[in-house]
PDB file of N, CA and C in Angstrom:
ATOM      1  N   THR A   1       1.116  12.822   1.251  1.00  0.00           N
ATOM      2  CA  THR A   1       0.925  13.488  -0.026  1.00  0.00           C
ATOM      3  C   THR A   1      -0.297  14.406  -0.031  1.00  0.00           C
ATOM      4  N   ASN A   2      -1.246  14.182   0.889  1.00  0.00           N
ATOM      5  CA  ASN A   2      -2.439  15.033   0.922  1.00  0.00           C
ATOM      6  C   ASN A   2      -2.335  16.179   1.920  1.00  0.00           C
ATOM      7  N   GLY A   3      -1.202  16.268   2.634  1.00  0.00           N
ATOM      8  CA  GLY A   3      -0.997  17.362   3.578  1.00  0.00           C
ATOM      9  C   GLY A   3      -1.617  17.155   4.940  1.00  0.00           C
ATOM     10  N   HIS A   4      -2.203  15.976   5.193  1.00  0.00           N
ATOM     11  CA  HIS A   4      -2.797  15.703   6.501  1.00  0.00           C
ATOM     12  C   HIS A   4      -1.799  14.993   7.405  1.00  0.00           C
ATOM     13  N   VAL A   5      -1.835  15.354   8.682  1.00  0.00           N
ATOM     14  CA  VAL A   5      -1.001  14.737   9.702  1.00  0.00           C
ATOM     15  C   VAL A   5      -1.923  14.332  10.843  1.00  0.00           C
ATOM     16  N   TYR A   6      -1.741  13.118  11.358  1.00  0.00           N
ATOM     17  CA  TYR A   6      -2.558  12.627  12.462  1.00  0.00           C
ATOM     18  C   TYR A   6      -1.709  12.552  13.720  1.00  0.00           C
ATOM     19  N   VAL A   7      -2.282  12.977  14.848  1.00  0.00           N
ATOM     20  CA  VAL A   7      -1.582  13.015  16.125  1.00  0.00           C
ATOM     21  C   VAL A   7      -2.430  12.287  17.159  1.00  0.00           C
ATOM     22  N   ASN A   8      -1.795  11.420  17.936  1.00  0.00           N
ATOM     23  CA  ASN A   8      -2.468  10.676  19.000  1.00  0.00           C
ATOM     24  C   ASN A   8      -1.840  11.106  20.318  1.00  0.00           C
ATOM     25  N   PHE A   9      -2.660  11.615  21.249  1.00  0.00           N
ATOM     26  CA  PHE A   9      -2.122  12.035  22.546  1.00  0.00           C
ATOM     27  C   PHE A   9      -3.172  11.864  23.629  1.00  0.00           C
ATOM     28  N   THR A  10      -2.690  11.728  24.863  1.00  0.00           N
ATOM     29  CA  THR A  10      -3.557  11.661  26.029  1.00  0.00           C
ATOM     30  C   THR A  10      -3.402  12.960  26.792  1.00  0.00           C
ATOM     31  N   GLY A  11      -4.537  13.592  27.067  1.00  0.00           N
ATOM     32  CA  GLY A  11      -4.540  14.923  27.666  1.00  0.00           C
ATOM     33  C   GLY A  11      -4.155  14.947  29.132  1.00  0.00           C
ATOM     34  N   ASP A  12      -3.855  16.160  29.582  1.00  0.00           N
ATOM     35  CA  ASP A  12      -3.477  16.390  30.971  1.00  0.00           C
ATOM     36  C   ASP A  12      -4.409  17.448  31.554  1.00  0.00           C
ATOM     37  N   ASN A  13      -3.946  18.169  32.567  1.00  0.00           N
ATOM     38  CA  ASN A  13      -4.787  19.169  33.221  1.00  0.00           C
ATOM     39  C   ASN A  13      -5.234  20.288  32.290  1.00  0.00           C
ATOM     40  N   LYS A  14      -4.453  20.607  31.253  1.00  0.00           N
ATOM     41  CA  LYS A  14      -4.868  21.632  30.296  1.00  0.00           C
ATOM     42  C   LYS A  14      -6.143  21.214  29.574  1.00  0.00           C
ATOM     43  N   ASN A  15      -6.234  19.925  29.234  1.00  0.00           N
ATOM     44  CA  ASN A  15      -7.441  19.430  28.585  1.00  0.00           C
ATOM     45  C   ASN A  15      -8.608  19.389  29.554  1.00  0.00           C
ATOM     46  N   ALA A  16      -8.311  19.141  30.845  1.00  0.00           N
ATOM     47  CA  ALA A  16      -9.366  19.131  31.853  1.00  0.00           C
ATOM     48  C   ALA A  16      -9.996  20.515  31.969  1.00  0.00           C
ATOM     49  N   SER A  17      -9.187  21.545  31.866  1.00  0.00           N
ATOM     50  CA  SER A  17      -9.741  22.895  31.941  1.00  0.00           C
ATOM     51  C   SER A  17     -10.593  23.217  30.720  1.00  0.00           C
ATOM     52  N   ALA A  18     -10.427  22.438  29.639  1.00  0.00           N
ATOM     53  CA  ALA A  18     -11.246  22.626  28.439  1.00  0.00           C
ATOM     54  C   ALA A  18     -12.501  21.755  28.487  1.00  0.00           C
ATOM     55  N   GLY A  19     -12.729  21.082  29.612  1.00  0.00           N
ATOM     56  CA  GLY A  19     -13.946  20.296  29.778  1.00  0.00           C
ATOM     57  C   GLY A  19     -13.777  18.799  29.596  1.00  0.00           C
ATOM     58  N   TYR A  20     -12.558  18.340  29.350  1.00  0.00           N
ATOM     59  CA  TYR A  20     -12.318  16.908  29.196  1.00  0.00           C
ATOM     60  C   TYR A  20     -11.660  16.372  30.461  1.00  0.00           C
ATOM     61  N   PRO A  21     -12.037  15.165  30.907  1.00  0.00           N
ATOM     62  CA  PRO A  21     -11.374  14.590  32.081  1.00  0.00           C
ATOM     63  C   PRO A  21      -9.890  14.340  31.811  1.00  0.00           C
ATOM     64  N   VAL A  22      -9.081  14.461  32.866  1.00  0.00           N
ATOM     65  CA  VAL A  22      -7.672  14.104  32.747  1.00  0.00           C
ATOM     66  C   VAL A  22      -7.607  12.655  32.292  1.00  0.00           C
ATOM     67  N   GLY A  23      -6.744  12.357  31.336  1.00  0.00           N
ATOM     68  CA  GLY A  23      -6.617  11.009  30.826  1.00  0.00           C
ATOM     69  C   GLY A  23      -7.454  10.746  29.581  1.00  0.00           C
ATOM     70  N   THR A  24      -8.117  11.769  29.071  1.00  0.00           N
ATOM     71  CA  THR A  24      -8.856  11.599  27.822  1.00  0.00           C
ATOM     72  C   THR A  24      -7.860  11.527  26.673  1.00  0.00           C
ATOM     73  N   SER A  25      -8.060  10.585  25.759  1.00  0.00           N
ATOM     74  CA  SER A  25      -7.182  10.452  24.601  1.00  0.00           C
ATOM     75  C   SER A  25      -7.846  11.061  23.371  1.00  0.00           C
ATOM     76  N   PHE A  26      -7.012  11.631  22.520  1.00  0.00           N
ATOM     77  CA  PHE A  26      -7.475  12.312  21.317  1.00  0.00           C
ATOM     78  C   PHE A  26      -6.670  11.820  20.118  1.00  0.00           C
ATOM     79  N   VAL A  27      -7.322  11.668  19.004  1.00  0.00           N
ATOM     80  CA  VAL A  27      -6.647  11.531  17.721  1.00  0.00           C
ATOM     81  C   VAL A  27      -7.140  12.713  16.902  1.00  0.00           C
ATOM     82  N   ARG A  28      -6.202  13.568  16.509  1.00  0.00           N
ATOM     83  CA  ARG A  28      -6.535  14.778  15.756  1.00  0.00           C
ATOM     84  C   ARG A  28      -5.845  14.777  14.408  1.00  0.00           C
ATOM     85  N   ARG A  29      -6.559  15.344  13.455  1.00  0.00           N
ATOM     86  CA  ARG A  29      -5.988  15.513  12.118  1.00  0.00           C
ATOM     87  C   ARG A  29      -5.709  16.994  11.913  1.00  0.00           C
ATOM     88  N   TYR A  30      -4.530  17.287  11.418  1.00  0.00           N
ATOM     89  CA  TYR A  30      -4.122  18.643  11.052  1.00  0.00           C
ATOM     90  C   TYR A  30      -3.743  18.655   9.579  1.00  0.00           C
ATOM     91  N   THR A  31      -3.741  19.828   9.005  1.00  0.00           N
ATOM     92  CA  THR A  31      -3.249  20.024   7.647  1.00  0.00           C
ATOM     93  C   THR A  31      -2.000  20.885   7.740  1.00  0.00           C
ATOM     94  N   VAL A  32      -1.029  20.602   6.899  1.00  0.00           N
ATOM     95  CA  VAL A  32       0.195  21.398   6.925  1.00  0.00           C
ATOM     96  C   VAL A  32      -0.083  22.810   6.426  1.00  0.00           C
ATOM     97  N   SER A  33       0.763  23.723   6.827  1.00  0.00           N
ATOM     98  CA  SER A  33       0.658  25.120   6.416  1.00  0.00           C
ATOM     99  C   SER A  33       0.828  25.250   4.909  1.00  0.00           C
ATOM    100  N   ALA A  34       0.043  26.115   4.302  1.00  0.00           N
ATOM    101  CA  ALA A  34       0.155  26.338   2.854  1.00  0.00           C
ATOM    102  C   ALA A  34       1.506  26.962   2.491  1.00  0.00           C
ATOM    103  N   SER A  35       2.071  27.740   3.427  1.00  0.00           N
ATOM    104  CA  SER A  35       3.336  28.415   3.128  1.00  0.00           C
ATOM    105  C   SER A  35       4.565  27.608   3.524  1.00  0.00           C
ATOM    106  N   ASN A  36       4.390  26.612   4.428  1.00  0.00           N
ATOM    107  CA  ASN A  36       5.522  25.806   4.875  1.00  0.00           C
ATOM    108  C   ASN A  36       5.031  24.401   5.206  1.00  0.00           C
ATOM    109  N   PRO A  37       5.295  23.420   4.365  1.00  0.00           N
ATOM    110  CA  PRO A  37       4.799  22.068   4.610  1.00  0.00           C
ATOM    111  C   PRO A  37       5.440  21.371   5.811  1.00  0.00           C
ATOM    112  N   ASN A  38       6.423  22.014   6.446  1.00  0.00           N
ATOM    113  CA  ASN A  38       7.032  21.457   7.654  1.00  0.00           C
ATOM    114  C   ASN A  38       6.364  21.962   8.926  1.00  0.00           C
ATOM    115  N   VAL A  39       5.293  22.749   8.784  1.00  0.00           N
ATOM    116  CA  VAL A  39       4.595  23.333   9.932  1.00  0.00           C
ATOM    117  C   VAL A  39       3.116  22.969   9.841  1.00  0.00           C
ATOM    118  N   LEU A  40       2.540  22.564  10.977  1.00  0.00           N
ATOM    119  CA  LEU A  40       1.108  22.278  11.005  1.00  0.00           C
ATOM    120  C   LEU A  40       0.317  23.572  11.147  1.00  0.00           C
ATOM    121  N   ASP A  41      -0.766  23.667  10.437  1.00  0.00           N
ATOM    122  CA  ASP A  41      -1.698  24.785  10.596  1.00  0.00           C
ATOM    123  C   ASP A  41      -2.661  24.390  11.708  1.00  0.00           C
ATOM    124  N   THR A  42      -2.461  24.913  12.919  1.00  0.00           N
ATOM    125  CA  THR A  42      -3.257  24.493  14.072  1.00  0.00           C
ATOM    126  C   THR A  42      -4.730  24.884  13.955  1.00  0.00           C
ATOM    127  N   SER A  43      -5.042  25.813  13.077  1.00  0.00           N
ATOM    128  CA  SER A  43      -6.450  26.190  12.899  1.00  0.00           C
ATOM    129  C   SER A  43      -7.239  25.106  12.153  1.00  0.00           C
ATOM    130  N   THR A  44      -6.546  24.112  11.608  1.00  0.00           N
ATOM    131  CA  THR A  44      -7.218  23.046  10.855  1.00  0.00           C
ATOM    132  C   THR A  44      -7.503  21.815  11.716  1.00  0.00           C
ATOM    133  N   ALA A  45      -7.251  21.890  13.027  1.00  0.00           N
ATOM    134  CA  ALA A  45      -7.429  20.732  13.913  1.00  0.00           C
ATOM    135  C   ALA A  45      -8.841  20.174  13.802  1.00  0.00           C
ATOM    136  N   ARG A  46      -8.919  18.863  13.623  1.00  0.00           N
ATOM    137  CA  ARG A  46     -10.202  18.167  13.558  1.00  0.00           C
ATOM    138  C   ARG A  46     -10.077  16.891  14.377  1.00  0.00           C
ATOM    139  N   ASP A  47     -10.934  16.731  15.377  1.00  0.00           N
ATOM    140  CA  ASP A  47     -10.905  15.514  16.183  1.00  0.00           C
ATOM    141  C   ASP A  47     -11.462  14.356  15.383  1.00  0.00           C
ATOM    142  N   VAL A  48     -10.672  13.286  15.297  1.00  0.00           N
ATOM    143  CA  VAL A  48     -11.097  12.072  14.615  1.00  0.00           C
ATOM    144  C   VAL A  48     -11.842  11.189  15.602  1.00  0.00           C
ATOM    145  N   ILE A  49     -11.285  11.074  16.822  1.00  0.00           N
ATOM    146  CA  ILE A  49     -11.919  10.298  17.888  1.00  0.00           C
ATOM    147  C   ILE A  49     -11.414  10.836  19.228  1.00  0.00           C
ATOM    148  N   ILE A  50     -12.304  10.830  20.212  1.00  0.00           N
ATOM    149  CA  ILE A  50     -11.974  11.209  21.589  1.00  0.00           C
ATOM    150  C   ILE A  50     -12.516  10.096  22.482  1.00  0.00           C
ATOM    151  N   TYR A  51     -11.674   9.586  23.382  1.00  0.00           N
ATOM    152  CA  TYR A  51     -12.145   8.524  24.272  1.00  0.00           C
ATOM    153  C   TYR A  51     -11.431   8.626  25.609  1.00  0.00           C
ATOM    154  N   ASN A  52     -12.133   8.205  26.665  1.00  0.00           N
ATOM    155  CA  ASN A  52     -11.580   8.255  28.015  1.00  0.00           C
ATOM    156  C   ASN A  52     -10.725   7.022  28.279  1.00  0.00           C
ATOM    157  N   GLN A  53      -9.638   7.248  29.001  1.00  0.00           N
ATOM    158  CA  GLN A  53      -8.762   6.162  29.442  1.00  0.00           C
ATOM    159  C   GLN A  53      -9.079   5.868  30.901  1.00  0.00           C
ATOM    160  N   ASP A  54      -9.086   4.598  31.268  1.00  0.00           N
ATOM    161  CA  ASP A  54      -9.379   4.217  32.650  1.00  0.00           C
ATOM    162  C   ASP A  54      -8.207   4.448  33.594  1.00  0.00           C
ATOM    163  N   PHE A  55      -6.984   4.428  33.039  1.00  0.00           N
ATOM    164  CA  PHE A  55      -5.795   4.569  33.871  1.00  0.00           C
ATOM    165  C   PHE A  55      -4.831   5.541  33.203  1.00  0.00           C
ATOM    166  N   SER A  56      -3.835   5.988  33.943  1.00  0.00           N
ATOM    167  CA  SER A  56      -2.912   7.001  33.417  1.00  0.00           C
ATOM    168  C   SER A  56      -1.708   6.399  32.696  1.00  0.00           C
ATOM    169  N   ASN A  57      -1.637   5.074  32.588  1.00  0.00           N
ATOM    170  CA  ASN A  57      -0.519   4.444  31.889  1.00  0.00           C
ATOM    171  C   ASN A  57      -1.043   3.434  30.864  1.00  0.00           C
ATOM    172  N   HIS A  58      -0.181   2.963  30.013  1.00  0.00           N
ATOM    173  CA  HIS A  58      -0.528   1.965  28.986  1.00  0.00           C
ATOM    174  C   HIS A  58      -1.625   2.479  28.057  1.00  0.00           C
ATOM    175  N   ASN A  59      -1.497   3.733  27.635  1.00  0.00           N
ATOM    176  CA  ASN A  59      -2.546   4.350  26.839  1.00  0.00           C
ATOM    177  C   ASN A  59      -2.290   4.342  25.337  1.00  0.00           C
ATOM    178  N   GLY A  60      -1.404   3.533  24.885  1.00  0.00           N
ATOM    179  CA  GLY A  60      -1.162   3.466  23.439  1.00  0.00           C
ATOM    180  C   GLY A  60      -0.457   4.726  22.947  1.00  0.00           C
ATOM    181  N   GLY A  61      -0.829   5.202  21.809  1.00  0.00           N
ATOM    182  CA  GLY A  61      -0.222   6.396  21.240  1.00  0.00           C
ATOM    183  C   GLY A  61       0.295   6.196  19.832  1.00  0.00           C
ATOM    184  N   TRP A  62       0.297   4.959  19.365  1.00  0.00           N
ATOM    185  CA  TRP A  62       0.805   4.647  18.034  1.00  0.00           C
ATOM    186  C   TRP A  62      -0.317   4.818  17.020  1.00  0.00           C
ATOM    187  N   LEU A  63       0.007   5.196  15.807  1.00  0.00           N
ATOM    188  CA  LEU A  63      -0.934   5.294  14.693  1.00  0.00           C
ATOM    189  C   LEU A  63      -0.279   4.710  13.456  1.00  0.00           C
ATOM    190  N   ASP A  64      -1.089   4.127  12.569  1.00  0.00           N
ATOM    191  CA  ASP A  64      -0.523   3.648  11.312  1.00  0.00           C
ATOM    192  C   ASP A  64      -1.631   3.450  10.290  1.00  0.00           C
ATOM    193  N   PHE A  65      -1.289   3.707   9.037  1.00  0.00           N
ATOM    194  CA  PHE A  65      -2.181   3.385   7.935  1.00  0.00           C
ATOM    195  C   PHE A  65      -1.753   2.039   7.373  1.00  0.00           C
ATOM    196  N   SER A  66      -2.701   1.146   7.204  1.00  0.00           N
ATOM    197  CA  SER A  66      -2.405  -0.182   6.681  1.00  0.00           C
ATOM    198  C   SER A  66      -2.054  -0.103   5.204  1.00  0.00           C
ATOM    199  N   PRO A  67      -0.972  -0.760   4.797  1.00  0.00           N
ATOM    200  CA  PRO A  67      -0.650  -0.815   3.376  1.00  0.00           C
ATOM    201  C   PRO A  67      -1.597  -1.748   2.618  1.00  0.00           C
ATOM    202  N   VAL A  68      -2.365  -2.547   3.356  1.00  0.00           N
ATOM    203  CA  VAL A  68      -3.278  -3.501   2.726  1.00  0.00           C
ATOM    204  C   VAL A  68      -4.625  -2.861   2.407  1.00  0.00           C
ATOM    205  N   ASP A  69      -5.238  -2.203   3.418  1.00  0.00           N
ATOM    206  CA  ASP A  69      -6.577  -1.656   3.216  1.00  0.00           C
ATOM    207  C   ASP A  69      -6.654  -0.128   3.291  1.00  0.00           C
ATOM    208  N   GLY A  70      -5.531   0.536   3.622  1.00  0.00           N
ATOM    209  CA  GLY A  70      -5.508   1.988   3.672  1.00  0.00           C
ATOM    210  C   GLY A  70      -6.201   2.590   4.883  1.00  0.00           C
ATOM    211  N   MET A  71      -6.687   1.754   5.793  1.00  0.00           N
ATOM    212  CA  MET A  71      -7.401   2.233   6.976  1.00  0.00           C
ATOM    213  C   MET A  71      -6.410   2.729   8.033  1.00  0.00           C
ATOM    214  N   LEU A  72      -6.867   3.695   8.831  1.00  0.00           N
ATOM    215  CA  LEU A  72      -6.083   4.213   9.959  1.00  0.00           C
ATOM    216  C   LEU A  72      -6.337   3.331  11.165  1.00  0.00           C
ATOM    217  N   TYR A  73      -5.267   2.785  11.729  1.00  0.00           N
ATOM    218  CA  TYR A  73      -5.370   1.948  12.923  1.00  0.00           C
ATOM    219  C   TYR A  73      -4.885   2.719  14.134  1.00  0.00           C
ATOM    220  N   ILE A  74      -5.679   2.668  15.219  1.00  0.00           N
ATOM    221  CA  ILE A  74      -5.436   3.448  16.436  1.00  0.00           C
ATOM    222  C   ILE A  74      -5.447   2.513  17.635  1.00  0.00           C
ATOM    223  N   PRO A  75      -4.302   1.958  18.025  1.00  0.00           N
ATOM    224  CA  PRO A  75      -4.293   1.135  19.240  1.00  0.00           C
ATOM    225  C   PRO A  75      -4.556   2.014  20.464  1.00  0.00           C
ATOM    226  N   THR A  76      -5.422   1.558  21.346  1.00  0.00           N
ATOM    227  CA  THR A  76      -5.812   2.368  22.495  1.00  0.00           C
ATOM    228  C   THR A  76      -5.083   1.985  23.770  1.00  0.00           C
ATOM    229  N   GLY A  77      -4.264   0.942  23.732  1.00  0.00           N
ATOM    230  CA  GLY A  77      -3.557   0.508  24.930  1.00  0.00           C
ATOM    231  C   GLY A  77      -4.422  -0.401  25.772  1.00  0.00           C
ATOM    232  N   ASP A  78      -3.888  -0.832  26.901  1.00  0.00           N
ATOM    233  CA  ASP A  78      -4.645  -1.716  27.791  1.00  0.00           C
ATOM    234  C   ASP A  78      -4.920  -1.055  29.131  1.00  0.00           C
ATOM    235  N   GLY A  79      -4.767   0.281  29.179  1.00  0.00           N
ATOM    236  CA  GLY A  79      -5.028   0.997  30.425  1.00  0.00           C
ATOM    237  C   GLY A  79      -6.493   1.015  30.722  1.00  0.00           C
TER     238      GLY A  79
END
């Protein structure tokens, strides 16, 4: 309802060229486009958290807001 979308991903070589090690995980918040709520406005990207993964597998990727406390939960995996 507030137009924010959260994305959890683990970077690859493209992120390494931006100065992050391969395997770095990111949680980013975007806002939807003012003209089309089905499109993300990529200029609104804001990193919520960035952390390094020790291995290339088991890196999580799920996100959820708790219906109990409203907090954003970010499982990081067991990699």
